[in-house]
Every structure is written in C-alpha cells, then in structure tokens.
N, C-alpha and C. Protein backbone atom coordinates (compact mmCIF):
# COMPACT_ATOMS: atom_id res chain seq x y z
N MET A 1 -64.83 36.22 -3.22
CA MET A 1 -65.54 37.62 -2.76
C MET A 1 -64.55 39.10 -2.66
N PHE A 2 -65.41 39.57 -2.19
CA PHE A 2 -64.33 40.73 -1.86
C PHE A 2 -64.79 41.53 -1.30
N ARG A 3 -63.49 42.22 -0.57
CA ARG A 3 -63.83 43.57 0.45
C ARG A 3 -63.67 44.50 0.39
N ILE A 4 -64.70 45.63 0.92
CA ILE A 4 -64.63 46.76 0.67
C ILE A 4 -64.90 47.66 1.92
N ALA A 5 -63.40 48.83 1.42
CA ALA A 5 -63.04 49.67 2.44
C ALA A 5 -63.75 50.97 2.01
N ILE A 6 -63.92 52.28 2.93
CA ILE A 6 -64.79 52.91 2.45
C ILE A 6 -64.18 54.13 3.77
N SER A 7 -63.42 54.96 3.17
CA SER A 7 -62.34 56.10 4.23
C SER A 7 -62.70 57.28 3.92
N ARG A 8 -63.07 58.37 5.14
CA ARG A 8 -62.93 59.73 5.11
C ARG A 8 -61.61 60.09 5.08
N LEU A 9 -61.23 61.38 4.17
CA LEU A 9 -59.76 61.40 4.39
C LEU A 9 -59.95 63.44 4.63
N THR A 10 -58.83 63.32 4.67
CA THR A 10 -58.86 64.44 5.25
C THR A 10 -59.10 66.18 4.88
N ASP A 11 -58.97 67.43 4.59
CA ASP A 11 -58.81 68.37 4.15
C ASP A 11 -57.52 68.20 3.52
N ASP A 12 -56.42 68.23 4.68
CA ASP A 12 -54.94 67.69 4.18
C ASP A 12 -54.42 66.42 3.27
N GLY A 13 -55.10 65.45 3.25
CA GLY A 13 -54.97 64.69 2.66
C GLY A 13 -54.27 63.60 3.21
N GLN A 14 -53.40 63.87 4.44
CA GLN A 14 -52.64 62.64 4.92
C GLN A 14 -53.45 61.92 6.03
N HIS A 15 -54.64 62.35 6.17
CA HIS A 15 -55.20 60.95 7.57
C HIS A 15 -56.73 60.64 6.67
N ILE A 16 -56.32 59.62 6.66
CA ILE A 16 -57.37 58.43 6.75
C ILE A 16 -58.26 57.51 7.79
N THR A 17 -59.81 57.89 7.93
CA THR A 17 -60.28 57.41 8.44
C THR A 17 -61.49 56.19 8.17
N THR A 18 -61.07 55.13 8.45
CA THR A 18 -62.48 54.05 7.71
C THR A 18 -64.00 54.25 8.69
N GLU A 19 -64.49 54.61 7.79
CA GLU A 19 -65.92 54.92 8.36
C GLU A 19 -66.71 53.28 7.71
N HIS A 20 -66.41 52.76 6.63
CA HIS A 20 -67.09 51.32 6.27
C HIS A 20 -66.56 49.95 6.00
N ARG A 21 -66.52 49.33 6.14
CA ARG A 21 -65.83 48.06 6.10
C ARG A 21 -66.68 46.58 6.00
N GLY A 22 -66.81 46.50 4.66
CA GLY A 22 -67.76 45.13 4.23
C GLY A 22 -67.62 44.16 3.70
N THR A 23 -68.13 43.07 3.39
CA THR A 23 -67.09 41.93 2.27
C THR A 23 -68.90 41.82 1.43
N ALA A 24 -68.32 41.57 -0.19
CA ALA A 24 -69.46 41.31 -1.14
C ALA A 24 -68.72 40.16 -2.20
N MET A 25 -69.73 39.05 -2.32
CA MET A 25 -69.43 38.14 -3.36
C MET A 25 -68.94 38.18 -4.51
N SER A 26 -69.50 39.80 -5.24
CA SER A 26 -69.13 40.45 -6.59
C SER A 26 -68.67 41.02 -6.12
N VAL A 27 -68.15 42.22 -7.91
CA VAL A 27 -68.38 43.41 -7.66
C VAL A 27 -69.41 44.59 -7.74
N ASP A 28 -70.30 44.01 -8.73
CA ASP A 28 -71.44 44.56 -8.63
C ASP A 28 -72.34 44.44 -7.01
N GLU A 29 -72.40 43.55 -6.38
CA GLU A 29 -72.39 43.20 -4.99
C GLU A 29 -71.80 44.54 -4.18
N ALA A 30 -70.19 44.45 -4.89
CA ALA A 30 -69.91 45.53 -3.93
C ALA A 30 -70.50 47.42 -4.34
N LEU A 31 -70.06 47.75 -5.82
CA LEU A 31 -71.34 48.50 -6.11
C LEU A 31 -72.21 49.19 -5.23
N LEU A 32 -73.07 48.30 -5.11
CA LEU A 32 -74.09 48.63 -4.46
C LEU A 32 -74.10 48.90 -2.79
N ALA A 33 -72.92 48.67 -2.26
CA ALA A 33 -72.67 48.60 -0.72
C ALA A 33 -71.82 50.06 -1.07
N LEU A 34 -70.91 50.39 -1.49
CA LEU A 34 -71.11 51.34 -1.99
C LEU A 34 -71.72 52.86 -2.28
N ARG A 35 -72.92 52.65 -3.10
CA ARG A 35 -74.23 53.25 -3.45
C ARG A 35 -74.71 53.67 -2.56
N GLU A 36 -75.12 52.33 -1.27
CA GLU A 36 -75.71 52.49 -0.46
C GLU A 36 -74.82 53.39 1.12
N HIS A 37 -73.42 53.08 0.66
CA HIS A 37 -72.76 53.99 1.87
C HIS A 37 -72.83 55.59 1.62
N LEU A 38 -73.28 56.16 0.23
CA LEU A 38 -72.53 56.99 -0.55
C LEU A 38 -73.84 57.24 -1.15
N PRO A 39 -74.72 57.51 -0.69
CA PRO A 39 -75.48 57.49 -1.73
C PRO A 39 -75.37 59.16 -2.88
N ALA A 40 -74.81 59.77 -2.53
CA ALA A 40 -75.04 61.23 -2.87
C ALA A 40 -73.63 60.84 -4.02
N VAL A 41 -73.04 60.78 -4.07
CA VAL A 41 -71.55 60.18 -4.90
C VAL A 41 -71.55 60.26 -6.07
N ASP A 42 -71.14 60.64 -7.34
CA ASP A 42 -71.33 60.28 -8.48
C ASP A 42 -70.15 59.05 -8.98
N THR A 43 -70.82 57.86 -9.06
CA THR A 43 -70.30 56.78 -9.38
C THR A 43 -70.02 56.07 -10.55
N SER A 44 -69.86 57.03 -11.67
CA SER A 44 -70.33 56.94 -13.29
C SER A 44 -68.74 56.07 -13.13
N ALA A 45 -67.53 56.39 -12.54
CA ALA A 45 -66.03 55.96 -12.77
C ALA A 45 -66.24 54.86 -12.28
N PHE A 46 -67.21 53.93 -11.53
CA PHE A 46 -66.95 52.69 -10.53
C PHE A 46 -68.05 51.25 -11.58
N GLU A 47 -67.84 51.41 -13.30
CA GLU A 47 -68.17 51.10 -14.17
C GLU A 47 -67.86 49.10 -13.69
N SER A 48 -68.98 48.15 -13.56
CA SER A 48 -68.48 46.92 -13.01
C SER A 48 -67.23 46.19 -13.46
N ASP A 49 -66.95 46.62 -15.02
CA ASP A 49 -65.72 46.54 -15.77
C ASP A 49 -64.80 47.09 -15.11
N ALA A 50 -64.82 47.70 -15.37
CA ALA A 50 -63.37 48.63 -14.91
C ALA A 50 -62.84 48.57 -13.87
N VAL A 51 -64.09 48.44 -12.77
CA VAL A 51 -63.63 47.72 -11.23
C VAL A 51 -62.81 46.05 -11.46
N GLN A 52 -63.43 45.43 -12.33
CA GLN A 52 -63.10 43.82 -12.53
C GLN A 52 -61.54 43.78 -12.90
N ARG A 53 -61.42 44.71 -14.13
CA ARG A 53 -60.05 44.81 -14.53
C ARG A 53 -58.93 45.87 -13.92
N SER A 54 -59.33 46.75 -12.99
CA SER A 54 -58.53 46.92 -12.38
C SER A 54 -58.10 45.97 -10.96
N VAL A 55 -58.78 45.10 -10.23
CA VAL A 55 -58.91 44.17 -9.53
C VAL A 55 -57.76 42.87 -10.34
N ASN A 56 -58.62 42.65 -11.45
CA ASN A 56 -57.03 41.60 -12.35
C ASN A 56 -55.98 42.05 -12.25
N ARG A 57 -55.83 43.33 -12.41
CA ARG A 57 -54.29 43.87 -12.88
C ARG A 57 -53.30 44.40 -11.98
N VAL A 58 -53.99 44.86 -11.02
CA VAL A 58 -53.02 45.56 -9.74
C VAL A 58 -53.66 45.15 -8.37
N ASN A 59 -54.79 44.26 -8.33
CA ASN A 59 -54.84 43.86 -7.42
C ASN A 59 -55.74 43.99 -6.46
N ASP A 60 -56.43 45.72 -6.45
CA ASP A 60 -57.48 46.67 -6.04
C ASP A 60 -57.77 47.52 -6.99
N PHE A 61 -58.56 48.00 -6.47
CA PHE A 61 -59.54 49.03 -6.90
C PHE A 61 -59.40 50.32 -6.52
N ARG A 62 -58.65 51.44 -6.12
CA ARG A 62 -58.86 52.28 -5.75
C ARG A 62 -59.07 53.98 -6.10
N HIS A 63 -60.62 54.44 -5.27
CA HIS A 63 -60.68 55.77 -6.09
C HIS A 63 -61.11 56.59 -5.24
N ASP A 64 -60.83 57.87 -4.97
CA ASP A 64 -61.22 59.21 -4.67
C ASP A 64 -62.50 59.58 -5.20
N VAL A 65 -63.71 60.31 -4.05
CA VAL A 65 -64.11 60.97 -4.51
C VAL A 65 -65.08 61.81 -3.34
N HIS A 66 -65.85 62.78 -4.19
CA HIS A 66 -66.42 63.63 -3.11
C HIS A 66 -67.67 63.56 -3.76
N THR A 67 -67.70 63.84 -2.18
CA THR A 67 -69.26 64.50 -1.68
C THR A 67 -69.51 66.01 -2.50
N PRO A 68 -71.53 65.95 -2.46
CA PRO A 68 -72.21 67.39 -2.90
C PRO A 68 -71.08 67.97 -1.33
N ASP A 69 -71.47 67.68 -0.07
CA ASP A 69 -71.47 68.34 1.10
C ASP A 69 -69.64 69.12 1.28
N GLY A 70 -68.53 68.27 0.37
CA GLY A 70 -67.59 68.90 0.53
C GLY A 70 -66.97 67.03 0.74
N GLY A 71 -67.28 66.52 1.56
CA GLY A 71 -66.35 65.38 2.04
C GLY A 71 -65.97 64.47 0.91
N ARG A 72 -64.59 63.75 1.37
CA ARG A 72 -64.04 63.17 0.25
C ARG A 72 -63.64 61.64 1.00
N TYR A 73 -63.61 60.96 0.01
CA TYR A 73 -63.91 59.66 0.29
C TYR A 73 -62.30 58.66 -0.22
N ARG A 74 -61.87 57.74 -0.06
CA ARG A 74 -61.39 57.44 -0.48
C ARG A 74 -62.34 55.60 -0.52
N VAL A 75 -62.47 54.99 -1.94
CA VAL A 75 -63.01 53.96 -2.08
C VAL A 75 -61.90 52.65 -2.32
N VAL A 76 -62.07 51.32 -1.47
CA VAL A 76 -60.94 50.71 -1.81
C VAL A 76 -62.14 48.93 -2.00
N ILE A 77 -61.77 48.27 -3.54
CA ILE A 77 -62.49 47.11 -3.25
C ILE A 77 -61.44 46.31 -3.65
N ALA A 78 -61.17 44.87 -2.49
CA ALA A 78 -60.05 44.52 -3.04
C ALA A 78 -60.37 43.04 -3.37
N PRO A 79 -59.81 41.94 -3.70
CA PRO A 79 -60.13 40.54 -3.69
C PRO A 79 -59.58 39.81 -2.45
N MET A 80 -60.63 39.03 -1.69
CA MET A 80 -60.26 38.30 0.02
C MET A 80 -59.25 37.67 -0.50
N MET A 81 -58.16 37.44 0.11
CA MET A 81 -57.68 36.29 0.21
C MET A 81 -57.27 35.79 1.10
C-alpha cells in the first residue's frame, strides 16, 4: 500500500498546505488519484516505473508540479509502513 499527499506550495516556497491525502494499493492507483485531483497537471514525470524506482531507492517519490493557472503543488507517494 502507498500513501499519497498533494500539498499546495506558497509563492515563496516556504509554506505547504495539504490539500489531499489518500491511500492506494499500487503505484498505478496512486497515479490515478493524482490525475483525478489535479487533472490539468502534466504528469509525464510520473511514469509508474520511475515512481516505483524512487520509492525503492529513497523510500518515497516527491515531485513539484505546476497547474496552468499558476498553482504550485508538491506530490508525495510513499509506501505505508
């Protein structure tokens, strides 16, 4: 199982506000949840294999994304412990 956190970043990058938390049974399910919550975000960096390699190597996957309207978000996918 994986946990998912999607947080909004402030313009100065100093503050993070969690907007969505959830769980998923697989990396693919976690990516589906991301696409449902932020449909306008380019998710090309979120290939299933790349996410899984990062989770295996450093115990989570973190990536900052931008929406077309200028919103900034941090996405974290990590295994449940």
